[in-house]
Protein backbone atom coordinates (compact mmCIF):
# COMPACT_ATOMS: atom_id res chain seq x y z
CA MET A 1 -10.65 -3.98 22.96
CA PRO A 2 -14.50 -4.69 21.48
CA ARG A 3 -16.58 -7.16 23.08
CA SER A 4 -15.44 -10.88 21.37
CA ASN A 5 -17.82 -11.28 18.41
CA PRO A 6 -17.47 -15.02 17.84
CA LEU A 7 -18.03 -13.89 13.80
CA VAL A 8 -15.13 -11.58 14.32
CA ILE A 9 -12.68 -14.39 15.87
CA LEU A 10 -14.15 -17.02 13.41
CA ALA A 11 -12.87 -15.01 10.64
CA VAL A 12 -9.41 -13.87 11.92
CA ALA A 13 -8.08 -17.06 12.97
CA THR A 14 -9.06 -19.59 10.16
CA LEU A 15 -9.02 -22.51 12.72
CA LEU A 16 -11.97 -22.68 12.31
CA LEU A 17 -13.11 -21.05 9.43
CA ALA A 18 -10.23 -23.49 7.19
CA PRO A 19 -12.08 -26.57 5.68
CA THR A 20 -11.57 -29.87 7.39
CA PRO A 21 -9.79 -32.31 4.95
CA THR A 22 -11.74 -35.36 3.76
CA GLN A 23 -9.70 -39.10 4.31
CA ASP A 24 -8.86 -38.77 0.24
CA GLY A 25 -7.15 -35.17 1.23
CA ALA A 26 -10.21 -33.06 -0.62
CA SER A 27 -11.80 -30.38 0.85
CA PRO A 28 -15.38 -29.67 1.47
CA GLY A 29 -17.22 -26.37 0.00
CA HIS A 30 -16.46 -24.55 -2.48
CA ASP A 31 -13.77 -25.64 -5.09
CA TRP A 32 -12.99 -23.15 -8.32
CA ARG A 33 -11.41 -24.64 -10.76
CA GLU A 34 -8.25 -23.04 -10.54
CA ASP A 35 -7.32 -24.36 -7.26
CA ALA A 36 -5.18 -27.51 -8.14
CA ARG A 37 -3.72 -25.39 -11.16
CA THR A 38 -2.78 -22.63 -8.76
CA LEU A 39 -1.15 -24.10 -5.50
CA GLU A 40 0.91 -26.79 -7.94
CA PHE A 41 2.09 -23.28 -9.33
CA LEU A 42 2.81 -22.00 -5.23
CA ASN A 43 4.06 -25.55 -4.48
CA ALA A 44 6.69 -25.58 -7.26
CA ARG A 45 7.47 -21.37 -7.55
CA VAL A 46 7.73 -20.93 -3.57
CA ALA A 47 7.16 -24.08 -1.31
CA SER A 48 9.62 -26.24 -3.33
CA ARG A 49 13.24 -26.43 -1.39
CA HIS A 50 14.47 -25.96 -5.15
CA ALA A 51 12.88 -23.09 -4.83
CA GLU A 52 14.71 -21.17 -1.76
CA GLY A 53 17.09 -19.11 -3.44
CA ASP A 54 14.68 -17.41 -4.76
CA ARG A 55 11.93 -17.06 -2.42
CA SER A 56 10.48 -13.99 -1.11
CA VAL A 57 9.09 -12.98 2.76
CA ALA A 58 5.91 -11.74 1.09
CA ALA A 59 5.54 -15.16 -1.54
CA ALA A 60 6.21 -17.23 1.35
CA ALA A 61 3.96 -15.29 3.74
CA TRP A 62 0.95 -15.64 1.31
CA THR A 63 1.35 -19.01 0.23
CA LEU A 64 1.29 -19.64 4.18
CA LEU A 65 -2.20 -18.00 4.43
CA SER A 66 -3.50 -19.30 1.44
CA TYR A 67 -2.38 -22.90 3.24
CA THR A 68 -4.13 -22.21 6.20
CA ALA A 69 -7.10 -21.03 4.55
CA ARG A 70 -7.33 -24.75 3.13
CA GLY A 71 -6.90 -26.48 6.31
CA SER A 72 -3.26 -27.12 6.00
CA THR A 73 -1.01 -26.85 8.69
CA MET A 74 1.99 -28.66 10.29
CA ARG A 75 0.71 -31.46 11.47
CA SER A 76 -2.10 -32.24 8.93
CA GLY A 77 -3.42 -31.22 5.73
CA ARG A 78 -2.80 -32.19 1.81
CA HIS A 79 0.29 -29.13 2.11
CA ARG A 80 1.64 -30.92 5.50
CA SER A 81 4.63 -30.48 4.06
CA HIS A 82 4.77 -27.22 2.02
CA VAL A 83 3.65 -25.40 5.62
CA LYS A 84 6.92 -26.74 7.13
CA GLU A 85 9.02 -25.93 4.41
CA LEU A 86 8.07 -22.08 4.45
CA THR A 87 7.54 -22.18 8.78
CA LYS A 88 11.19 -23.00 8.96
CA TRP A 89 12.28 -20.69 6.32
CA LEU A 90 10.68 -17.53 7.68
CA ARG A 91 12.08 -18.97 11.17
CA GLY A 92 15.60 -19.13 9.51
CA ILE A 93 15.88 -16.03 8.13
CA GLN A 94 15.05 -13.99 11.63
CA ILE A 95 17.61 -11.42 12.81
CA ASP A 96 18.08 -8.85 14.89
CA GLY A 97 15.19 -10.73 17.45
CA GLY A 98 12.56 -10.65 14.97
CA LYS A 99 12.84 -9.00 11.51
CA LEU A 100 12.48 -11.25 8.91
CA ALA A 101 15.41 -10.78 6.68
CA PRO A 102 16.59 -13.01 3.29
CA GLY A 103 20.14 -12.82 2.84
CA LYS A 104 20.41 -10.70 6.04
CA GLN A 105 18.28 -7.90 4.22
CA PRO A 106 15.30 -6.77 6.20
CA CYS A 107 12.13 -7.29 4.22
CA GLN A 108 9.22 -4.14 3.12
CA ARG A 109 7.83 -3.04 6.39
CA LEU A 110 3.90 -4.40 5.06
CA ASP A 111 5.98 -7.75 4.46
CA GLN A 112 6.81 -7.79 7.66
CA VAL A 113 3.50 -7.32 9.16
CA VAL A 114 1.92 -10.37 6.80
CA GLY A 115 4.76 -12.80 7.41
CA THR A 116 4.31 -12.05 10.89
CA LEU A 117 0.37 -12.76 10.36
CA ALA A 118 1.20 -15.90 8.31
CA LEU A 119 3.74 -17.15 11.34
CA ALA A 120 1.12 -17.02 13.56
CA GLU A 121 -1.71 -18.51 12.41
CA VAL A 122 0.56 -21.32 11.32
CA THR A 123 1.45 -21.80 14.95
CA LEU A 124 -1.89 -21.33 16.18
CA LEU A 125 -3.65 -23.29 13.68
CA SER A 126 -0.85 -26.07 14.49
CA HIS A 127 -0.97 -25.56 17.87
CA TYR A 128 2.87 -25.83 17.58
CA THR A 129 4.36 -23.93 20.93
CA LEU A 130 7.32 -24.52 19.72
CA LEU A 131 6.82 -21.71 17.40
CA LYS A 132 5.55 -19.07 19.95
CA PRO A 133 9.32 -17.76 20.70
CA THR A 134 9.46 -17.07 16.78
CA VAL A 135 6.31 -15.16 16.51
CA SER A 136 6.55 -13.20 19.60
CA ASN A 137 10.29 -11.73 17.94
CA ALA A 138 8.27 -11.28 14.42
CA SER A 139 5.47 -9.17 16.55
CA ARG A 140 8.02 -6.96 18.06
CA ALA A 141 10.08 -6.55 15.16
CA THR A 142 6.75 -5.68 13.44
CA LEU A 143 5.67 -3.16 15.75
CA ASP A 144 9.30 -1.42 16.21
CA ALA A 145 9.00 -1.75 12.32
CA LEU A 146 5.64 0.74 12.50
CA THR A 147 6.92 2.77 14.98
CA ASP A 148 10.32 3.63 13.53
CA ALA A 149 10.77 7.53 14.10
CA GLY A 150 12.36 7.72 10.62
CA ALA A 151 9.79 5.94 8.54
CA ALA A 152 6.37 6.75 7.28
CA PRO A 153 3.59 6.44 9.22
CA PRO A 154 1.58 3.57 8.71
CA THR A 155 -0.84 2.92 6.00
CA ALA A 156 -4.43 1.99 5.90
CA ALA A 157 -3.67 -1.47 4.64
CA GLU A 158 -0.87 -1.55 7.50
CA VAL A 159 -3.12 -0.57 10.28
CA ALA A 160 -6.12 -3.16 9.03
CA LEU A 161 -3.19 -6.37 8.95
CA LEU A 162 -2.06 -4.77 12.14
CA LEU A 163 -5.54 -5.13 13.65
CA VAL A 164 -5.89 -8.92 12.04
CA LEU A 165 -2.59 -9.77 13.53
CA ALA A 166 -3.85 -8.43 17.03
CA TYR A 167 -6.75 -10.70 16.76
CA THR A 168 -5.21 -13.90 16.07
CA LEU A 169 -2.29 -13.36 18.70
CA ASP A 170 -5.27 -12.56 21.50
CA TYR A 171 -7.03 -15.62 20.13
CA GLY A 172 -4.17 -17.73 20.11
CA LYS A 173 -2.79 -16.41 23.62
CA LEU A 174 0.83 -15.64 21.87
CA GLU A 175 2.52 -12.41 23.17
CA HIS A 176 1.74 -8.54 22.02
CA GLY A 177 -1.69 -8.85 21.00
CA ALA A 178 -2.54 -5.82 23.17
CA ALA A 179 -0.06 -3.93 21.87
CA CYS A 180 -0.70 -4.43 17.89
CA ARG A 181 -3.81 -3.21 18.94
CA GLU A 182 -3.15 -0.60 20.88
CA LEU A 183 -0.51 0.74 18.11
CA ALA A 184 -3.70 -0.06 15.45
CA LEU A 185 -5.82 2.43 17.23
CA ALA A 186 -3.38 5.26 17.58
CA ALA A 187 -2.24 4.94 13.76
CA ARG A 188 -5.89 4.47 13.03
CA ALA A 189 -6.79 8.01 14.05
CA ARG A 190 -4.33 9.47 11.98
CA LEU A 191 -5.05 7.91 8.71
CA PRO A 192 -6.30 10.96 5.87
CA ALA A 193 -9.68 10.23 4.30
CA PRO A 194 -9.03 7.01 1.94
CA LYS A 195 -8.75 7.53 -1.87
CA SER A 196 -7.47 4.54 -3.07
CA PRO A 197 -9.76 1.83 -3.41
CA ARG A 198 -7.19 -0.07 -1.25
CA ASP A 199 -7.47 2.44 1.88
CA ARG A 200 -11.19 2.21 1.14
CA ALA A 201 -11.17 -1.40 1.84
CA ALA A 202 -8.93 -1.27 4.49
CA HIS A 203 -11.06 1.64 6.32
CA CYS A 204 -14.11 -0.81 5.74
CA LEU A 205 -12.07 -4.00 7.62
CA ILE A 206 -11.07 -1.65 9.90
CA ALA A 207 -14.06 -0.39 11.07
CA LEU A 208 -15.91 -4.40 10.80
CA LEU A 209 -13.02 -5.91 12.56
CA LEU A 210 -13.85 -2.61 15.90
CA GLU A 211 -18.13 -3.61 15.55
CA GLU A 212 -18.02 -0.04 14.73
CA PRO A 213 -21.10 1.41 11.89
CA VAL A 214 -19.66 1.43 8.23
CA PRO A 215 -19.74 4.83 6.36
CA LYS A 216 -22.16 4.19 3.41
CA ALA A 217 -19.32 5.08 1.24
CA LEU A 218 -17.21 2.13 2.88
CA THR A 219 -19.57 -0.34 2.69
CA VAL A 220 -18.54 -4.05 1.29
CA GLN A 221 -20.33 -3.60 -1.88
CA ARG A 222 -19.17 0.04 -2.60
CA ILE A 223 -15.78 -1.18 -1.75
CA TRP A 224 -15.34 -4.98 -3.62
CA PRO A 225 -13.00 -4.79 -6.36
CA LYS A 226 -13.87 -3.80 -10.11
CA ASN A 227 -11.31 -6.23 -11.42
CA PRO A 228 -10.06 -8.57 -8.40
CA MET A 229 -6.75 -9.29 -10.12
CA ALA A 230 -5.33 -5.39 -10.39
CA ASP A 231 -4.78 -5.34 -6.80
CA PRO A 232 -4.24 -7.95 -4.82
CA LEU A 233 -3.93 -6.60 -1.42
CA HIS A 234 -7.17 -4.65 -1.98
CA THR A 235 -8.90 -8.27 -3.10
CA TRP A 236 -7.55 -9.81 0.15
CA LEU A 237 -8.83 -6.66 2.41
CA ALA A 238 -12.22 -7.09 0.63
CA VAL A 239 -13.06 -10.64 1.50
CA GLN A 240 -11.53 -10.20 4.86
CA ALA A 241 -14.38 -7.66 4.65
CA LEU A 242 -16.60 -9.77 3.30
CA ALA A 243 -17.00 -12.57 5.52
CA ARG A 244 -17.84 -10.52 8.35
CA THR A 245 -21.00 -9.57 6.42
CA ASP A 246 -24.14 -11.59 5.79
CA ARG A 247 -25.05 -14.10 3.25
CA PRO A 248 -26.51 -11.93 0.54
CA THR A 249 -23.76 -9.86 0.35
CA PHE A 250 -21.09 -12.99 0.35
CA ALA A 251 -23.55 -14.29 -2.64
CA ALA A 252 -23.92 -11.05 -4.68
CA CYS A 253 -19.90 -10.64 -4.29
CA ALA A 254 -19.42 -14.74 -4.71
CA LYS A 255 -19.95 -14.84 -8.60
CA ASP A 256 -16.50 -12.98 -8.97
CA PHE A 257 -14.47 -15.49 -7.75
CA GLU A 258 -15.37 -17.58 -10.84
CA LYS A 259 -14.40 -14.32 -12.58
CA LEU A 260 -11.21 -14.26 -10.90
CA ALA A 261 -10.34 -17.87 -11.54
CA ALA A 262 -10.86 -17.57 -14.88
CA MET A 263 -8.13 -14.85 -15.40
CA CYS A 264 -5.11 -17.19 -14.37
CA THR A 265 -2.39 -18.35 -16.95
CA PRO A 266 -4.60 -21.59 -18.48
CA ALA A 267 -1.65 -23.26 -19.85
CA GLY A 268 2.70 -22.97 -19.96
CA GLU A 269 4.87 -22.99 -17.43
CA ASP A 270 3.08 -20.31 -15.62
CA ARG A 271 -0.07 -22.21 -15.20
CA GLY A 272 -2.05 -21.30 -12.70
CA SER A 273 -1.04 -17.69 -11.58
CA TRP A 274 -1.44 -14.59 -12.31
CA PRO A 275 0.37 -11.44 -13.72
CA ALA A 276 2.35 -8.88 -11.98
CA THR A 277 0.36 -5.74 -10.53
CA MET A 278 1.16 -2.91 -8.48
CA GLU A 279 3.94 -3.73 -6.33
CA PHE A 280 3.60 -7.77 -6.39
CA ASP A 281 5.74 -9.76 -8.72
CA ALA A 282 3.76 -12.87 -10.47
CA VAL A 283 4.33 -15.09 -7.71
CA THR A 284 3.51 -12.96 -5.32
CA ALA A 285 0.45 -11.85 -7.15
CA THR A 286 -0.74 -15.59 -7.33
CA ALA A 287 0.02 -16.36 -3.48
CA ALA A 288 -2.27 -13.14 -2.41
CA LEU A 289 -5.17 -14.03 -4.68
CA ALA A 290 -5.04 -17.53 -3.34
CA ALA A 291 -4.73 -16.46 0.17
CA ALA A 292 -8.16 -14.54 -1.00
CA LEU A 293 -9.74 -17.09 -2.42
CA GLY A 294 -9.16 -20.05 0.05
CA LEU A 295 -10.50 -17.62 2.55
CA ALA A 296 -13.69 -17.21 0.50
CA ALA A 297 -13.87 -21.02 -0.65
CA CYS A 298 -14.37 -21.67 3.58
CA ASP A 299 -17.37 -20.11 3.58
CA PRO A 300 -17.31 -18.53 6.17
CA LEU A 301 -20.91 -17.28 6.79
CA GLY A 302 -22.12 -20.53 6.52
CA LYS A 303 -24.43 -22.12 3.95
């Protein structure tokens, strides 16, 4: 394992990154205009009990990450009740020792990784020890899915997410952190050269997580999305990488957060959302972009 760089730990485990709620429930720091509208959309479309029948693992997981990035846990925060609802739901759909499977149908492999990361963050930030077996089972199922002999090898994005999960598990003293890191390192060694923007962002983040020199072609400035709405996962990976750079780089990229906020639907029943794109439906795209903006809003590099 690379040495324990405090910046890496802070950026991976949002325990210290997340903004501290004030007495009126508001959070200090960045407050982009889309926040209230977007979170209202996610509250209604994902976190509400009325949405349970249409809820997906991906939407629930990204929504949880958007709440934890804004300081909410199972014990405190403006979205405490929604965190509890989504965590309970993810826990309740586990089958076969940890697979996340709504309607008994296992979710996509990438969604299993993101769902496990969300459960790990909630457990860590909430100091909720009763969830440790849930996270352990989900982590084991994630490792099994990524090493399935009949499946495609892990993608660069999955390797980056697995490394983030490994650090979160280790920081929270949860099981399987070492195994996740070992698998990520082995899979990283077999990754092809990055071709897509998402792959380049993942390779940049992997290098930063491992505290390795980042190739000039893969610096944060080079991998930063031209259109942050085009691929929510690319944007989330890029923001994770941005959190590990420096203030000038952060400031240069931060102007795009306002642009992204301006791109959300301004009115109507989809007010506060972003449209479907790539493999993301509109709800999941909105949740993933909200998670990216929430991490950026923490101002991880300090003022």
